[in-house]
Protein backbone atom coordinates (compact mmCIF):
# COMPACT_ATOMS: atom_id res chain seq x y z
CA MET A 1 -1.13 -4.81 15.86
CA SER A 2 1.63 -6.15 13.81
CA LEU A 3 4.32 -8.68 14.32
CA THR A 4 7.72 -9.21 11.89
CA LEU A 5 9.55 -12.25 11.52
CA PHE A 6 12.64 -13.17 9.49
CA LEU A 7 12.90 -16.61 8.13
CA ASN A 8 16.72 -16.65 6.81
CA ASP A 9 16.38 -21.09 6.35
CA LEU A 10 13.71 -23.42 6.68
CA THR A 11 15.66 -24.35 10.07
CA ASN A 12 13.78 -21.96 11.75
CA ILE A 13 10.62 -22.18 10.23
CA PRO A 14 8.76 -24.50 13.66
CA ASP A 15 10.31 -21.42 15.84
CA VAL A 16 8.65 -18.72 13.63
CA ALA A 17 4.83 -21.12 13.21
CA LYS A 18 5.06 -21.37 16.89
CA GLN A 19 5.57 -17.55 17.23
CA ILE A 20 2.87 -17.15 14.43
CA LEU A 21 0.30 -19.06 16.27
CA GLU A 22 1.19 -17.97 20.25
CA TYR A 23 1.08 -14.11 18.71
CA THR A 24 -2.56 -14.54 17.38
CA SER A 25 -4.52 -16.88 19.52
CA PRO A 26 -7.22 -17.23 19.87
CA HIS A 27 -7.47 -16.06 16.13
CA LYS A 28 -8.01 -18.78 13.71
CA LYS A 29 -8.74 -17.58 10.02
CA PHE A 30 -5.63 -16.47 8.28
CA ALA A 31 -5.17 -14.90 4.89
CA PHE A 32 -1.92 -15.10 3.28
CA TYR A 33 -0.80 -12.42 0.65
CA ALA A 34 2.25 -13.15 -1.20
CA ASP A 35 3.93 -14.08 -4.86
CA MET A 36 4.55 -17.07 -6.09
CA GLY A 37 7.47 -18.84 -4.76
CA VAL A 38 7.61 -17.10 -1.58
CA GLY A 39 6.62 -19.86 0.97
CA LYS A 40 2.94 -19.84 1.52
CA THR A 41 2.85 -23.19 1.26
CA THR A 42 5.81 -24.15 3.47
CA LEU A 43 4.89 -21.93 6.34
CA ILE A 44 1.25 -23.32 6.51
CA LYS A 45 2.58 -27.01 6.52
CA GLU A 46 4.48 -25.78 9.41
CA LEU A 47 1.53 -23.79 11.03
CA SER A 48 -0.46 -27.54 10.33
CA LEU A 49 2.31 -29.49 12.42
CA GLN A 50 2.29 -26.99 15.21
CA LEU A 51 -1.15 -27.50 15.44
CA ASP A 52 -0.79 -31.41 15.45
CA VAL A 53 -2.52 -32.00 12.34
CA VAL A 54 -1.63 -36.12 11.70
CA ASP A 55 -2.41 -36.07 7.61
CA VAL A 56 -0.14 -35.29 5.23
CA VAL A 57 -0.29 -31.36 4.35
CA SER A 58 0.00 -30.44 0.74
CA SER A 59 -1.23 -27.81 -1.73
CA PRO A 60 -4.69 -27.77 -2.32
CA THR A 61 -4.21 -26.06 -5.92
CA PHE A 62 -6.10 -28.35 -7.84
CA SER A 63 -8.95 -29.37 -5.32
CA ILE A 64 -9.03 -25.43 -3.63
CA VAL A 65 -9.19 -26.94 -0.11
CA ASN A 66 -7.76 -29.53 1.79
CA GLU A 67 -9.18 -30.90 4.86
CA TYR A 68 -6.52 -32.02 7.65
CA GLN A 69 -7.44 -33.95 11.00
CA THR A 70 -5.57 -32.85 14.25
CA GLU A 71 -4.86 -35.48 17.46
CA ASN A 72 -7.44 -33.88 18.92
CA LYS A 73 -9.93 -34.86 16.38
CA SER A 74 -10.84 -31.01 15.24
CA ARG A 75 -9.98 -29.51 11.74
CA VAL A 76 -7.45 -27.27 9.60
CA TYR A 77 -8.77 -26.01 6.46
CA HIS A 78 -5.92 -24.97 3.88
CA PHE A 79 -7.06 -22.85 0.70
CA ASP A 80 -5.65 -22.17 -2.34
CA PHE A 81 -7.98 -19.71 -4.72
CA TYR A 82 -5.27 -19.21 -7.24
CA ARG A 83 -7.22 -21.07 -9.83
CA LEU A 84 -10.47 -18.92 -8.99
CA GLU A 85 -11.88 -17.06 -12.31
CA GLU A 86 -14.07 -15.06 -10.38
CA GLU A 87 -14.82 -14.74 -6.19
CA GLN A 88 -18.10 -16.35 -7.03
CA GLU A 89 -16.54 -19.69 -7.49
CA ALA A 90 -15.85 -19.38 -3.37
CA TYR A 91 -19.52 -18.94 -3.23
CA ASP A 92 -20.46 -21.85 -5.58
CA MET A 93 -18.19 -24.07 -3.28
CA GLY A 94 -19.61 -22.97 0.44
CA TYR A 95 -17.01 -21.05 1.68
CA GLU A 96 -19.39 -19.98 4.59
CA GLU A 97 -18.92 -23.56 6.08
CA TYR A 98 -15.20 -23.24 6.68
CA PHE A 99 -14.95 -19.32 7.35
CA PHE A 100 -17.37 -19.36 9.73
CA SER A 101 -16.91 -22.94 11.72
CA ASP A 102 -14.27 -22.71 14.44
CA ASP A 103 -11.64 -24.29 12.53
CA TYR A 104 -8.27 -23.12 11.55
CA CYS A 105 -8.47 -21.77 7.83
CA PHE A 106 -5.30 -21.06 5.80
CA ILE A 107 -6.04 -19.10 2.77
CA GLU A 108 -3.57 -18.74 -0.18
CA TRP A 109 -4.29 -16.42 -3.20
CA SER A 110 -6.45 -14.21 -0.47
CA GLU A 111 -6.14 -11.49 -3.16
CA LYS A 112 -8.84 -13.55 -5.56
CA ILE A 113 -11.47 -12.99 -2.37
CA PRO A 114 -11.24 -10.02 -1.43
CA SER A 115 -14.79 -9.29 -0.38
CA LEU A 116 -14.43 -12.48 1.79
CA ILE A 117 -11.88 -11.54 3.74
CA GLY A 118 -13.26 -10.59 7.03
CA GLU A 119 -11.92 -8.01 9.51
CA ASP A 120 -11.55 -10.21 12.34
CA MET A 121 -8.98 -12.49 9.98
CA VAL A 122 -5.43 -12.45 10.66
CA ILE A 123 -3.11 -11.04 7.48
CA VAL A 124 0.13 -12.72 6.77
CA LYS A 125 2.25 -11.03 4.07
CA MET A 126 5.38 -12.35 2.88
CA HIS A 127 8.11 -11.10 0.81
CA ILE A 128 11.40 -11.80 -0.20
CA GLU A 129 14.19 -9.37 1.12
CA GLU A 130 17.79 -10.13 -0.16
CA THR A 131 18.56 -13.98 1.07
CA LYS A 132 15.50 -13.81 4.14
CA ARG A 133 11.59 -14.24 4.15
CA VAL A 134 10.09 -11.46 5.47
CA ILE A 135 6.88 -12.54 7.30
CA GLU A 136 4.42 -9.77 8.68
CA VAL A 137 1.54 -10.89 10.68
CA ILE A 138 -1.32 -8.25 11.49
CA ILE A 139 -4.03 -8.80 13.72
């Protein structure tokens, strides 16, 4: 099953994020695939806001993972695997603790860890087409 959404500008990103979360419920693990600059981090920030994250959401490029707290004290994990040289580094950081938790996980640069992307994960593919972003959500 898949859902295709179009993001013409950032004014409708809250609606797009809400649609994604409603469509994918109860799934909590998301693997993002998109070229640099397409808006993965921007979308993840809005998804986190829709989940009532109270922390400032920023790209975890240098830390690999950021942990955010929600209003109801649950957690959201945001990964950026861009800097990984090899998949083993995800094992070394203890990815299992995050991926097998009951918390939301948003994973940027999922192509860096192909064997760790489970069949139960939501796949989010993004690209730019003319002046809009196309977001395909696959369950």
